[in-house]
Amino acid sequence: MASKHKIEWTEKTWNPTAGCTKVSSGCKNCYAETMAIRLQAIGVVGYENGFKFNIVPQRLNEPLKRKKPTVYFVNSMSDLFHQDMPIDYLDQIFDIIKKTPHHTYQILTKRADSMFKYLANKKIPKNIWLGVTVENKSEGLHRIDKLRNLKASVLFLSIEPLLEDLGDINLENIDWVIVGGESGNKARPMEKEWVVNIKEQCETYDVAFFFKQWGTWGADKVKRNKKVNGKELEGKIWQKYPKIIEKKFALEI
């Protein structure tokens, strides 16, 4: 399902699996779970059981059909390293990636240990970017240490939703950091100081910093529509991409 989406830092999504299981505080108000229930109601393949994890072989070959070089966010509605993922099917997904070197694949997970176990002794294709979610100190920061020890073209952090001040972050070997506040009626607020702290550390480490949005809570701590709150930080939009693909995004998105 290379579907339409509202994710600013990618071009298309590819979901060869669907559904997931909550593993951390960042999963509390999962947008994918809400969307999965809607997709189940209208009979979309892969969501017959709502948000329960399952493979969707019908979507496996989608990237093979697209000749135009495309940046794909893999599994926007799931997690590639979910504990119920069959290893042989995961191998098939990576085989598709290898067969389509003209595409770029952004793989993001909260299951850094499983990702590291699977990839540590493999040669990672050059068209793969690897990322981990970092929502807080206790559950998120340790994932960065697993990520930094993998050799991919781009290593990135998705710090969304940012739930607290992360303090000092070791950004060694990290190429890109995305930060965003939570959306939805039950969204938890994000403090401006938390975001600025991350931005300044990115500048110190020369890491591309991308501020996606404030979300439901604005910089002024007022709850309103996320579009109204916008994405300005200190009067400016900060949306840098890794140098490897910066020009492509600037021209096409």
Protein backbone atom coordinates (compact mmCIF):
# COMPACT_ATOMS: atom_id res chain seq x y z
CA MET A 1 0.00 0.00 0.00
CA ALA A 2 2.09 2.90 -1.28
CA SER A 3 -0.55 5.24 0.01
CA LYS A 4 -1.13 8.94 0.37
CA HIS A 5 0.07 10.25 3.70
CA LYS A 6 0.86 13.38 5.67
CA ILE A 7 4.42 12.45 6.68
CA GLU A 8 6.54 15.39 5.56
CA TRP A 9 9.89 13.65 5.63
CA THR A 10 9.15 10.92 3.10
CA GLU A 11 7.55 10.47 -0.35
CA LYS A 12 5.51 7.29 -0.12
CA THR A 13 4.70 4.59 2.40
CA TRP A 14 5.07 0.84 1.87
CA ASN A 15 3.36 -1.49 4.36
CA PRO A 16 4.22 -5.15 3.69
CA THR A 17 2.90 -5.85 7.18
CA ALA A 18 0.06 -4.29 9.17
CA GLY A 19 -0.74 -3.91 12.84
CA CYS A 20 1.51 -3.73 15.87
CA THR A 21 1.74 -4.11 19.67
CA LYS A 22 2.37 -1.30 22.14
CA VAL A 23 5.82 -1.48 23.72
CA SER A 24 6.49 1.94 25.27
CA SER A 25 5.05 5.26 26.44
CA GLY A 26 5.35 6.60 22.92
CA CYS A 27 2.76 4.06 21.76
CA LYS A 28 0.02 5.27 24.12
CA ASN A 29 -1.89 7.33 21.56
CA CYS A 30 -0.75 5.49 18.43
CA TYR A 31 -2.08 7.11 15.24
CA ALA A 32 -1.67 3.83 13.34
CA GLU A 33 -3.98 2.00 15.73
CA THR A 34 -6.73 4.57 15.22
CA MET A 35 -6.25 4.42 11.45
CA ALA A 36 -6.27 0.62 11.46
CA ILE A 37 -9.72 0.53 13.03
CA ARG A 38 -10.99 2.85 10.30
CA LEU A 39 -9.41 0.71 7.59
CA GLN A 40 -10.94 -2.41 9.13
CA ALA A 41 -14.37 -0.80 8.95
CA ILE A 42 -14.08 -0.21 5.20
CA GLY A 43 -12.60 -3.64 4.47
CA VAL A 44 -9.01 -2.78 3.55
CA VAL A 45 -6.79 -5.86 3.13
CA GLY A 46 -4.47 -6.39 6.08
CA TYR A 47 -6.80 -4.90 8.67
CA GLU A 48 -9.36 -7.69 8.95
CA ASN A 49 -8.36 -8.05 12.60
CA GLY A 50 -7.94 -4.36 13.31
CA PHE A 51 -4.50 -3.57 14.68
CA LYS A 52 -3.35 -7.15 15.22
CA PHE A 53 0.04 -7.75 13.58
CA ASN A 54 -0.06 -9.69 10.32
CA ILE A 55 1.90 -9.97 7.10
CA VAL A 56 0.35 -8.60 3.90
CA PRO A 57 1.97 -10.49 0.98
CA GLN A 58 -0.27 -8.66 -1.52
CA ARG A 59 1.86 -5.54 -0.96
CA LEU A 60 5.27 -7.17 -1.00
CA ASN A 61 6.11 -6.52 -4.64
CA GLU A 62 4.77 -2.97 -4.88
CA PRO A 63 8.20 -1.27 -5.11
CA LEU A 64 9.13 -3.54 -8.02
CA LYS A 65 6.32 -1.98 -10.08
CA ARG A 66 7.52 1.61 -9.58
CA LYS A 67 10.30 2.72 -11.92
CA LYS A 68 10.60 6.29 -10.65
CA PRO A 69 13.19 6.55 -7.85
CA THR A 70 11.15 6.98 -4.67
CA VAL A 71 11.78 7.45 -0.97
CA TYR A 72 9.66 4.89 0.90
CA PHE A 73 8.86 4.92 4.60
CA VAL A 74 8.62 1.20 5.35
CA ASN A 75 5.75 0.13 7.62
CA SER A 76 4.19 3.41 8.63
CA MET A 77 1.36 1.28 10.03
CA SER A 78 3.46 -1.43 11.68
CA ASP A 79 6.99 -2.31 12.85
CA LEU A 80 9.33 -4.32 10.63
CA PHE A 81 10.96 -5.90 13.68
CA HIS A 82 7.79 -6.91 15.52
CA GLN A 83 8.21 -10.09 17.56
CA ASP A 84 5.66 -11.91 15.41
CA MET A 85 7.41 -11.14 12.11
CA PRO A 86 8.34 -14.42 10.36
CA ILE A 87 12.07 -14.33 9.58
CA ASP A 88 11.55 -15.77 6.12
CA TYR A 89 9.09 -12.96 5.31
CA LEU A 90 11.49 -10.35 6.70
CA ASP A 91 14.14 -11.84 4.40
CA GLN A 92 11.75 -11.41 1.47
CA ILE A 93 11.21 -7.73 2.35
CA PHE A 94 14.96 -7.10 2.37
CA ASP A 95 15.28 -9.01 -0.89
CA ILE A 96 12.80 -6.60 -2.52
CA ILE A 97 14.88 -3.69 -1.20
CA LYS A 98 18.02 -5.20 -2.73
CA LYS A 99 16.25 -5.67 -6.06
CA THR A 100 15.22 -2.00 -6.21
CA PRO A 101 18.42 0.01 -5.67
CA HIS A 102 16.81 3.02 -7.39
CA HIS A 103 14.51 3.46 -4.37
CA THR A 104 15.44 4.66 -0.87
CA TYR A 105 13.90 2.88 2.14
CA GLN A 106 13.46 4.54 5.54
CA ILE A 107 13.07 1.88 8.24
CA LEU A 108 12.00 3.08 11.69
CA THR A 109 11.53 0.90 14.76
CA LYS A 110 11.05 0.94 18.52
CA ARG A 111 12.48 -2.58 18.63
CA ALA A 112 16.15 -1.66 18.35
CA ASP A 113 17.38 -4.91 19.91
CA SER A 114 15.59 -7.01 17.29
CA MET A 115 16.80 -4.77 14.48
CA PHE A 116 20.38 -5.03 15.68
CA LYS A 117 20.16 -8.81 16.06
CA TYR A 118 18.86 -9.20 12.51
CA LEU A 119 21.26 -6.77 10.82
CA ALA A 120 24.46 -6.84 12.87
CA ASN A 121 26.13 -9.53 10.77
CA LYS A 122 24.58 -8.57 7.43
CA LYS A 123 25.71 -6.15 4.76
CA ILE A 124 23.04 -3.46 4.81
CA PRO A 125 22.04 -2.29 1.31
CA LYS A 126 23.11 1.27 0.51
CA ASN A 127 19.52 2.31 -0.21
CA ILE A 128 18.41 1.71 3.39
CA TRP A 129 18.15 4.36 6.09
CA LEU A 130 17.77 3.01 9.63
CA GLY A 131 16.04 4.86 12.45
CA VAL A 132 14.77 4.41 15.99
CA THR A 133 12.08 6.22 17.94
CA VAL A 134 13.22 8.17 21.01
CA GLU A 135 10.30 9.45 23.06
CA ASN A 136 11.90 9.73 26.51
CA LYS A 137 15.04 8.89 28.47
CA SER A 138 14.19 5.55 30.04
CA GLU A 139 12.72 3.83 26.99
CA GLY A 140 14.25 5.72 24.08
CA LEU A 141 17.87 6.67 24.66
CA HIS A 142 19.24 3.13 24.82
CA ARG A 143 17.89 2.49 21.31
CA ILE A 144 20.35 5.05 19.93
CA ASP A 145 23.30 2.96 21.12
CA LYS A 146 22.03 -0.04 19.16
CA LEU A 147 21.45 2.09 16.08
CA ARG A 148 24.82 3.84 16.03
CA ASN A 149 26.59 0.48 15.79
CA LEU A 150 24.92 -0.46 12.51
CA LYS A 151 26.45 0.60 9.20
CA ALA A 152 23.76 2.14 7.01
CA SER A 153 23.88 5.06 4.58
CA VAL A 154 21.81 7.17 6.99
CA LEU A 155 21.09 6.64 10.69
CA PHE A 156 18.23 8.72 12.05
CA LEU A 157 16.14 9.41 15.13
CA SER A 158 12.41 10.05 15.19
CA ILE A 159 11.85 11.96 18.42
CA GLU A 160 8.08 12.02 18.15
CA PRO A 161 6.21 12.32 20.36
CA LEU A 162 8.80 14.08 22.51
CA LEU A 163 7.55 13.43 26.04
CA GLU A 164 10.26 14.99 28.21
CA ASP A 165 13.59 16.80 28.20
CA LEU A 166 16.12 14.25 26.94
CA GLY A 167 19.11 15.97 28.53
CA ASP A 168 22.46 15.22 26.90
CA ILE A 169 22.20 12.94 23.87
CA ASN A 170 25.10 11.09 22.27
CA LEU A 171 24.61 11.83 18.57
CA GLU A 172 27.82 10.19 17.41
CA ASN A 173 27.28 8.54 13.99
CA ILE A 174 23.72 9.91 13.78
CA ASP A 175 22.91 11.74 10.53
CA TRP A 176 19.39 13.07 11.01
CA VAL A 177 17.04 13.95 13.88
CA ILE A 178 13.29 14.50 13.46
CA VAL A 179 11.36 16.09 16.35
CA GLY A 180 7.62 16.51 16.78
CA GLY A 181 4.89 16.98 19.33
CA GLU A 182 1.94 14.63 19.73
CA SER A 183 -1.39 15.10 17.94
CA GLY A 184 -4.95 14.14 18.82
CA ASN A 185 -7.43 14.86 21.62
CA LYS A 186 -5.34 12.94 24.17
CA ALA A 187 -2.03 14.47 23.12
CA ARG A 188 0.58 15.15 25.77
CA PRO A 189 2.19 18.63 25.73
CA MET A 190 5.75 19.33 24.61
CA GLU A 191 7.89 22.12 26.04
CA LYS A 192 9.79 24.50 23.77
CA GLU A 193 12.95 24.09 25.88
CA TRP A 194 13.00 20.34 25.17
CA VAL A 195 13.04 20.97 21.43
CA VAL A 196 15.64 23.74 21.57
CA ASN A 197 17.91 21.47 23.61
CA ILE A 198 17.84 18.86 20.84
CA LYS A 199 18.31 21.45 18.08
CA GLU A 200 21.38 22.89 19.77
CA GLN A 201 22.92 19.46 20.22
CA CYS A 202 22.30 18.69 16.55
CA GLU A 203 24.16 21.87 15.66
CA THR A 204 27.06 20.82 17.89
CA TYR A 205 27.29 17.40 16.27
CA ASP A 206 26.58 18.75 12.75
CA VAL A 207 23.45 16.61 12.47
CA ALA A 208 20.54 17.58 10.19
CA PHE A 209 17.62 18.79 12.37
CA PHE A 210 14.02 18.51 11.20
CA PHE A 211 11.24 20.02 13.32
CA LYS A 212 8.03 18.45 12.08
CA GLN A 213 5.32 20.12 14.18
CA TRP A 214 4.12 21.30 17.57
CA GLY A 215 1.11 19.01 17.40
CA THR A 216 -2.02 19.61 19.45
CA TRP A 217 -0.23 21.76 22.03
CA GLY A 218 1.34 24.96 20.75
CA ALA A 219 4.57 26.64 21.79
CA ASP A 220 2.40 28.86 23.98
CA LYS A 221 1.00 25.75 25.74
CA VAL A 222 -2.45 26.29 24.25
CA LYS A 223 -4.35 23.27 22.94
CA ARG A 224 -5.69 23.76 19.40
CA ASN A 225 -5.66 22.29 15.88
CA LYS A 226 -2.14 21.19 14.99
CA LYS A 227 -2.27 23.07 11.68
CA VAL A 228 -2.81 26.30 13.59
CA ASN A 229 0.06 25.54 15.95
CA GLY A 230 2.27 25.00 12.92
CA LYS A 231 5.93 24.08 12.80
CA GLU A 232 7.86 27.25 13.56
CA LEU A 233 10.48 27.13 16.29
CA GLU A 234 11.90 30.44 17.48
CA GLY A 235 10.25 32.15 14.50
CA LYS A 236 11.78 29.87 11.89
CA ILE A 237 11.07 26.58 10.14
CA TRP A 238 13.83 24.03 10.69
CA GLN A 239 13.49 21.17 8.21
CA LYS A 240 16.86 19.92 7.09
CA TYR A 241 17.47 16.55 5.46
CA PRO A 242 20.58 14.38 5.43
CA LYS A 243 23.09 15.63 2.88
CA ILE A 244 22.73 12.39 0.88
CA ILE A 245 19.25 13.40 -0.28
CA GLU A 246 18.77 17.03 0.72
CA LYS A 247 18.50 18.35 -2.86
CA LYS A 248 15.94 15.73 -3.88
CA PHE A 249 13.54 16.68 -1.10
CA ALA A 250 14.05 20.39 -1.61
CA LEU A 251 13.05 20.06 -5.26
CA GLU A 252 10.27 17.49 -5.12
CA ILE A 253 8.42 17.80 -1.78
